[in-house]
Amino acid sequence: NYADSVKGRFTISRDNAKNTVFLQMNSLKPEDT
């Protein structure tokens, strides 16, 4: 599930084997600071 402000730009994923979650952030904007 994503906030409307990041839909289409951010992708969340998880690697259960490594117990890690990722957030890929593309097309970043100053308001993402």
All heavy atoms as atom14 arrays in JSON, in Angstrom:
{
  "sequence": "NYADSVKGRFTISRDNAKNTVFLQMNSLKPEDT",
  "atom14_mask": [
    [1, 1, 1, 1, 1, 1, 1, 1, 0, 0, 0, 0, 0, 0],
    [1, 1, 1, 1, 1, 1, 1, 1, 1, 1, 1, 1, 0, 0],
    [1, 1, 1, 1, 1, 0, 0, 0, 0, 0, 0, 0, 0, 0],
    [1, 1, 1, 1, 1, 1, 1, 1, 0, 0, 0, 0, 0, 0],
    [1, 1, 1, 1, 1, 1, 0, 0, 0, 0, 0, 0, 0, 0],
    [1, 1, 1, 1, 1, 1, 1, 0, 0, 0, 0, 0, 0, 0],
    [1, 1, 1, 1, 1, 1, 1, 1, 1, 0, 0, 0, 0, 0],
    [1, 1, 1, 1, 0, 0, 0, 0, 0, 0, 0, 0, 0, 0],
    [1, 1, 1, 1, 1, 1, 1, 1, 1, 1, 1, 0, 0, 0],
    [1, 1, 1, 1, 1, 1, 1, 1, 1, 1, 1, 0, 0, 0],
    [1, 1, 1, 1, 1, 1, 1, 0, 0, 0, 0, 0, 0, 0],
    [1, 1, 1, 1, 1, 1, 1, 1, 0, 0, 0, 0, 0, 0],
    [1, 1, 1, 1, 1, 1, 0, 0, 0, 0, 0, 0, 0, 0],
    [1, 1, 1, 1, 1, 1, 1, 1, 1, 1, 1, 0, 0, 0],
    [1, 1, 1, 1, 1, 1, 1, 1, 0, 0, 0, 0, 0, 0],
    [1, 1, 1, 1, 1, 1, 1, 1, 0, 0, 0, 0, 0, 0],
    [1, 1, 1, 1, 1, 0, 0, 0, 0, 0, 0, 0, 0, 0],
    [1, 1, 1, 1, 1, 1, 1, 1, 1, 0, 0, 0, 0, 0],
    [1, 1, 1, 1, 1, 1, 1, 1, 0, 0, 0, 0, 0, 0],
    [1, 1, 1, 1, 1, 1, 1, 0, 0, 0, 0, 0, 0, 0],
    [1, 1, 1, 1, 1, 1, 1, 0, 0, 0, 0, 0, 0, 0],
    [1, 1, 1, 1, 1, 1, 1, 1, 1, 1, 1, 0, 0, 0],
    [1, 1, 1, 1, 1, 1, 1, 1, 0, 0, 0, 0, 0, 0],
    [1, 1, 1, 1, 1, 1, 1, 1, 1, 0, 0, 0, 0, 0],
    [1, 1, 1, 1, 1, 1, 1, 1, 0, 0, 0, 0, 0, 0],
    [1, 1, 1, 1, 1, 1, 1, 1, 0, 0, 0, 0, 0, 0],
    [1, 1, 1, 1, 1, 1, 0, 0, 0, 0, 0, 0, 0, 0],
    [1, 1, 1, 1, 1, 1, 1, 1, 0, 0, 0, 0, 0, 0],
    [1, 1, 1, 1, 1, 1, 1, 1, 1, 0, 0, 0, 0, 0],
    [1, 1, 1, 1, 1, 1, 1, 0, 0, 0, 0, 0, 0, 0],
    [1, 1, 1, 1, 1, 1, 1, 1, 1, 0, 0, 0, 0, 0],
    [1, 1, 1, 1, 1, 1, 1, 1, 0, 0, 0, 0, 0, 0],
    [1, 1, 1, 1, 1, 1, 1, 0, 0, 0, 0, 0, 0, 0]
  ],
  "atom14_positions": [
    [[0.87, -1.18, 0.0], [0.0, 0.0, 0.0], [0.9, 1.22, 0.0], [1.95, 1.22, 0.67], [-0.92, 0.01, 1.22], [-1.98, 1.08, 1.12], [-2.46, 1.36, 0.02], [-2.34, 1.68, 2.23], [0.0, 0.0, 0.0], [0.0, 0.0, 0.0], [0.0, 0.0, 0.0], [0.0, 0.0, 0.0], [0.0, 0.0, 0.0], [0.0, 0.0, 0.0]],
    [[0.5, 2.25, -0.75], [1.32, 3.44, -0.91], [0.53, 4.7, -0.62], [-0.68, 4.77, -0.88], [1.86, 3.53, -2.34], [2.79, 2.42, -2.73], [2.32, 1.25, -3.32], [4.17, 2.54, -2.54], [3.16, 0.23, -3.69], [5.03, 1.53, -2.92], [4.53, 0.38, -3.49], [5.38, -0.63, -3.86], [0.0, 0.0, 0.0], [0.0, 0.0, 0.0]],
    [[1.24, 5.71, -0.17], [0.65, 7.04, -0.1], [0.42, 7.54, -1.52], [1.21, 7.24, -2.43], [1.57, 7.99, 0.65], [0.0, 0.0, 0.0], [0.0, 0.0, 0.0], [0.0, 0.0, 0.0], [0.0, 0.0, 0.0], [0.0, 0.0, 0.0], [0.0, 0.0, 0.0], [0.0, 0.0, 0.0], [0.0, 0.0, 0.0], [0.0, 0.0, 0.0]],
    [[-0.64, 8.3, -1.71], [-0.94, 8.81, -3.06], [0.22, 9.63, -3.62], [0.47, 9.61, -4.83], [-2.2, 9.67, -3.01], [-3.47, 8.85, -2.81], [-3.42, 7.62, -3.04], [-4.49, 9.44, -2.43], [0.0, 0.0, 0.0], [0.0, 0.0, 0.0], [0.0, 0.0, 0.0], [0.0, 0.0, 0.0], [0.0, 0.0, 0.0], [0.0, 0.0, 0.0]],
    [[0.92, 10.32, -2.75], [1.98, 11.23, -3.2], [3.18, 10.49, -3.79], [4.01, 11.12, -4.47], [2.44, 12.1, -2.04], [2.93, 11.31, -0.97], [0.0, 0.0, 0.0], [0.0, 0.0, 0.0], [0.0, 0.0, 0.0], [0.0, 0.0, 0.0], [0.0, 0.0, 0.0], [0.0, 0.0, 0.0], [0.0, 0.0, 0.0], [0.0, 0.0, 0.0]],
    [[3.29, 9.18, -3.53], [4.47, 8.45, -4.03], [4.1, 7.35, -5.02], [4.99, 6.71, -5.58], [5.28, 7.85, -2.87], [5.66, 8.94, -1.85], [4.57, 6.7, -2.2], [0.0, 0.0, 0.0], [0.0, 0.0, 0.0], [0.0, 0.0, 0.0], [0.0, 0.0, 0.0], [0.0, 0.0, 0.0], [0.0, 0.0, 0.0], [0.0, 0.0, 0.0]],
    [[2.82, 7.13, -5.23], [2.4, 6.07, -6.16], [2.98, 6.3, -7.54], [2.97, 7.41, -8.06], [0.87, 6.02, -6.25], [0.22, 5.35, -5.06], [-1.29, 5.31, -5.23], [-1.96, 4.64, -4.03], [-3.43, 4.66, -4.14], [0.0, 0.0, 0.0], [0.0, 0.0, 0.0], [0.0, 0.0, 0.0], [0.0, 0.0, 0.0], [0.0, 0.0, 0.0]],
    [[3.52, 5.23, -8.12], [4.12, 5.33, -9.45], [5.58, 5.76, -9.42], [6.27, 5.68, -10.44], [0.0, 0.0, 0.0], [0.0, 0.0, 0.0], [0.0, 0.0, 0.0], [0.0, 0.0, 0.0], [0.0, 0.0, 0.0], [0.0, 0.0, 0.0], [0.0, 0.0, 0.0], [0.0, 0.0, 0.0], [0.0, 0.0, 0.0], [0.0, 0.0, 0.0]],
    [[6.06, 6.23, -8.27], [7.46, 6.67, -8.17], [8.26, 5.8, -7.2], [9.45, 5.56, -7.42], [7.53, 8.12, -7.69], [6.84, 9.1, -8.6], [7.13, 10.54, -8.18], [6.63, 10.85, -6.84], [7.4, 11.3, -5.84], [8.68, 11.48, -6.03], [6.86, 11.56, -4.66], [0.0, 0.0, 0.0], [0.0, 0.0, 0.0], [0.0, 0.0, 0.0]],
    [[7.62, 5.34, -6.12], [8.3, 4.54, -5.1], [7.81, 3.1, -5.17], [6.64, 2.83, -5.47], [8.01, 5.07, -3.71], [8.62, 6.41, -3.39], [9.21, 7.21, -4.36], [8.58, 6.9, -2.09], [9.76, 8.44, -4.06], [9.13, 8.12, -1.76], [9.72, 8.9, -2.75], [0.0, 0.0, 0.0], [0.0, 0.0, 0.0], [0.0, 0.0, 0.0]],
    [[8.7, 2.18, -4.84], [8.34, 0.76, -4.78], [8.91, 0.15, -3.51], [10.11, 0.25, -3.26], [8.89, 0.0, -6.0], [8.4, 0.59, -7.2], [8.46, -1.46, -5.95], [0.0, 0.0, 0.0], [0.0, 0.0, 0.0], [0.0, 0.0, 0.0], [0.0, 0.0, 0.0], [0.0, 0.0, 0.0], [0.0, 0.0, 0.0], [0.0, 0.0, 0.0]],
    [[8.04, -0.49, -2.74], [8.48, -1.19, -1.54], [8.58, -2.68, -1.85], [7.75, -3.23, -2.58], [7.52, -0.93, -0.35], [8.12, -1.48, 0.94], [6.13, -1.5, -0.61], [7.35, -1.05, 2.19], [0.0, 0.0, 0.0], [0.0, 0.0, 0.0], [0.0, 0.0, 0.0], [0.0, 0.0, 0.0], [0.0, 0.0, 0.0], [0.0, 0.0, 0.0]],
    [[9.6, -3.3, -1.3], [9.77, -4.74, -1.5], [10.46, -5.31, -0.26], [10.98, -4.56, 0.57], [10.6, -5.03, -2.75], [11.9, -4.46, -2.64], [0.0, 0.0, 0.0], [0.0, 0.0, 0.0], [0.0, 0.0, 0.0], [0.0, 0.0, 0.0], [0.0, 0.0, 0.0], [0.0, 0.0, 0.0], [0.0, 0.0, 0.0], [0.0, 0.0, 0.0]],
    [[10.44, -6.63, -0.14], [11.1, -7.25, 1.01], [11.79, -8.53, 0.58], [11.31, -9.24, -0.31], [10.13, -7.5, 2.15], [8.99, -8.45, 1.88], [7.93, -8.38, 2.98], [8.41, -8.89, 4.26], [7.71, -8.79, 5.4], [6.55, -8.19, 5.42], [8.19, -9.29, 6.52], [0.0, 0.0, 0.0], [0.0, 0.0, 0.0], [0.0, 0.0, 0.0]],
    [[12.91, -8.79, 1.22], [13.67, -10.01, 1.02], [13.58, -10.77, 2.34], [14.3, -10.46, 3.29], [15.12, -9.69, 0.66], [15.93, -10.94, 0.34], [15.61, -12.02, 0.88], [16.9, -10.82, -0.41], [0.0, 0.0, 0.0], [0.0, 0.0, 0.0], [0.0, 0.0, 0.0], [0.0, 0.0, 0.0], [0.0, 0.0, 0.0], [0.0, 0.0, 0.0]],
    [[12.68, -11.73, 2.4], [12.45, -12.45, 3.65], [13.68, -13.24, 4.08], [13.94, -13.4, 5.28], [11.24, -13.36, 3.52], [9.94, -12.58, 3.43], [9.81, -11.51, 3.99], [8.97, -13.12, 2.7], [0.0, 0.0, 0.0], [0.0, 0.0, 0.0], [0.0, 0.0, 0.0], [0.0, 0.0, 0.0], [0.0, 0.0, 0.0], [0.0, 0.0, 0.0]],
    [[14.44, -13.71, 3.13], [15.63, -14.5, 3.47], [16.68, -13.64, 4.18], [17.43, -14.12, 5.02], [16.22, -15.12, 2.21], [0.0, 0.0, 0.0], [0.0, 0.0, 0.0], [0.0, 0.0, 0.0], [0.0, 0.0, 0.0], [0.0, 0.0, 0.0], [0.0, 0.0, 0.0], [0.0, 0.0, 0.0], [0.0, 0.0, 0.0], [0.0, 0.0, 0.0]],
    [[16.7, -12.34, 3.81], [17.68, -11.43, 4.41], [17.04, -10.53, 5.47], [17.71, -9.66, 6.02], [18.32, -10.57, 3.32], [19.13, -11.36, 2.31], [19.8, -10.44, 1.29], [20.65, -11.24, 0.31], [21.29, -10.36, -0.7], [0.0, 0.0, 0.0], [0.0, 0.0, 0.0], [0.0, 0.0, 0.0], [0.0, 0.0, 0.0], [0.0, 0.0, 0.0]],
    [[15.74, -10.76, 5.73], [15.04, -9.97, 6.75], [15.19, -8.47, 6.49], [15.46, -7.69, 7.42], [15.56, -10.33, 8.14], [15.49, -11.81, 8.42], [14.47, -12.45, 8.13], [16.57, -12.37, 8.93], [0.0, 0.0, 0.0], [0.0, 0.0, 0.0], [0.0, 0.0, 0.0], [0.0, 0.0, 0.0], [0.0, 0.0, 0.0], [0.0, 0.0, 0.0]],
    [[15.05, -8.1, 5.25], [15.28, -6.71, 4.85], [14.11, -6.22, 4.0], [13.58, -6.97, 3.16], [16.58, -6.58, 4.06], [17.67, -7.05, 4.88], [16.85, -5.14, 3.67], [0.0, 0.0, 0.0], [0.0, 0.0, 0.0], [0.0, 0.0, 0.0], [0.0, 0.0, 0.0], [0.0, 0.0, 0.0], [0.0, 0.0, 0.0], [0.0, 0.0, 0.0]],
    [[13.74, -4.97, 4.22], [12.74, -4.33, 3.38], [13.4, -3.15, 2.68], [14.29, -2.5, 3.25], [11.51, -3.87, 4.2], [11.88, -2.81, 5.21], [10.4, -3.39, 3.3], [0.0, 0.0, 0.0], [0.0, 0.0, 0.0], [0.0, 0.0, 0.0], [0.0, 0.0, 0.0], [0.0, 0.0, 0.0], [0.0, 0.0, 0.0], [0.0, 0.0, 0.0]],
    [[13.0, -2.93, 1.45], [13.61, -1.89, 0.62], [12.57, -0.87, 0.19], [11.38, -1.17, 0.1], [14.24, -2.51, -0.64], [15.23, -3.6, -0.35], [14.85, -4.93, -0.41], [16.54, -3.28, -0.04], [15.77, -5.94, -0.15], [17.47, -4.28, 0.21], [17.08, -5.61, 0.17], [0.0, 0.0, 0.0], [0.0, 0.0, 0.0], [0.0, 0.0, 0.0]],
    [[13.04, 0.33, -0.09], [12.19, 1.35, -0.69], [12.98, 1.96, -1.85], [13.95, 2.69, -1.64], [11.81, 2.44, 0.31], [10.83, 3.47, -0.22], [9.45, 2.83, -0.45], [10.7, 4.65, 0.74], [0.0, 0.0, 0.0], [0.0, 0.0, 0.0], [0.0, 0.0, 0.0], [0.0, 0.0, 0.0], [0.0, 0.0, 0.0], [0.0, 0.0, 0.0]],
    [[12.57, 1.62, -3.06], [13.17, 2.21, -4.25], [12.42, 3.49, -4.57], [11.21, 3.47, -4.78], [13.08, 1.23, -5.43], [13.64, 1.77, -6.73], [15.13, 2.01, -6.66], [15.87, 1.17, -6.15], [15.59, 3.14, -7.18], [0.0, 0.0, 0.0], [0.0, 0.0, 0.0], [0.0, 0.0, 0.0], [0.0, 0.0, 0.0], [0.0, 0.0, 0.0]],
    [[13.16, 4.58, -4.59], [12.55, 5.89, -4.8], [13.08, 6.47, -6.1], [14.29, 6.72, -6.22], [12.87, 6.82, -3.62], [12.46, 6.25, -2.27], [12.69, 7.41, -0.91], [14.47, 7.56, -0.91], [0.0, 0.0, 0.0], [0.0, 0.0, 0.0], [0.0, 0.0, 0.0], [0.0, 0.0, 0.0], [0.0, 0.0, 0.0], [0.0, 0.0, 0.0]],
    [[12.2, 6.68, -7.05], [12.56, 7.26, -8.35], [11.86, 8.6, -8.53], [10.9, 8.91, -7.83], [12.17, 6.31, -9.47], [12.87, 4.97, -9.38], [14.02, 4.88, -8.93], [12.2, 3.91, -9.82], [0.0, 0.0, 0.0], [0.0, 0.0, 0.0], [0.0, 0.0, 0.0], [0.0, 0.0, 0.0], [0.0, 0.0, 0.0], [0.0, 0.0, 0.0]],
    [[12.33, 9.36, -9.49], [11.73, 10.67, -9.8], [11.53, 11.49, -8.54], [10.45, 12.07, -8.31], [10.38, 10.46, -10.51], [10.56, 9.71, -11.7], [0.0, 0.0, 0.0], [0.0, 0.0, 0.0], [0.0, 0.0, 0.0], [0.0, 0.0, 0.0], [0.0, 0.0, 0.0], [0.0, 0.0, 0.0], [0.0, 0.0, 0.0], [0.0, 0.0, 0.0]],
    [[12.57, 11.57, -7.75], [12.47, 12.27, -6.47], [12.23, 13.76, -6.66], [12.73, 14.38, -7.62], [13.73, 12.03, -5.65], [13.78, 10.65, -4.98], [15.2, 10.28, -4.6], [12.87, 10.63, -3.76], [0.0, 0.0, 0.0], [0.0, 0.0, 0.0], [0.0, 0.0, 0.0], [0.0, 0.0, 0.0], [0.0, 0.0, 0.0], [0.0, 0.0, 0.0]],
    [[11.46, 14.31, -5.73], [11.09, 15.72, -5.76], [11.58, 16.39, -4.46], [11.75, 15.71, -3.45], [9.56, 15.86, -5.83], [8.92, 15.14, -7.0], [7.41, 15.24, -6.91], [6.74, 14.5, -8.06], [5.25, 14.61, -7.98], [0.0, 0.0, 0.0], [0.0, 0.0, 0.0], [0.0, 0.0, 0.0], [0.0, 0.0, 0.0], [0.0, 0.0, 0.0]],
    [[11.76, 17.69, -4.49], [12.19, 18.37, -3.26], [11.25, 18.1, -2.08], [11.7, 18.02, -0.93], [12.17, 19.84, -3.66], [12.47, 19.82, -5.13], [11.76, 18.6, -5.64], [0.0, 0.0, 0.0], [0.0, 0.0, 0.0], [0.0, 0.0, 0.0], [0.0, 0.0, 0.0], [0.0, 0.0, 0.0], [0.0, 0.0, 0.0], [0.0, 0.0, 0.0]],
    [[9.97, 17.93, -2.36], [9.02, 17.67, -1.28], [9.14, 16.27, -0.7], [8.47, 15.95, 0.29], [7.58, 17.91, -1.75], [7.2, 17.2, -3.02], [7.33, 18.1, -4.25], [8.33, 18.86, -4.35], [6.43, 18.03, -5.12], [0.0, 0.0, 0.0], [0.0, 0.0, 0.0], [0.0, 0.0, 0.0], [0.0, 0.0, 0.0], [0.0, 0.0, 0.0]],
    [[9.98, 15.43, -1.27], [10.27, 14.13, -0.69], [11.34, 14.22, 0.4], [11.62, 13.23, 1.07], [10.75, 13.14, -1.76], [9.67, 12.82, -2.78], [8.51, 12.61, -2.38], [10.0, 12.76, -3.98], [0.0, 0.0, 0.0], [0.0, 0.0, 0.0], [0.0, 0.0, 0.0], [0.0, 0.0, 0.0], [0.0, 0.0, 0.0], [0.0, 0.0, 0.0]],
    [[11.92, 15.4, 0.56], [12.93, 15.59, 1.59], [12.34, 15.34, 2.97], [11.33, 15.94, 3.34], [13.51, 17.01, 1.52], [14.2, 17.18, 0.28], [14.45, 17.27, 2.68], [0.0, 0.0, 0.0], [0.0, 0.0, 0.0], [0.0, 0.0, 0.0], [0.0, 0.0, 0.0], [0.0, 0.0, 0.0], [0.0, 0.0, 0.0], [0.0, 0.0, 0.0]]
  ]
}
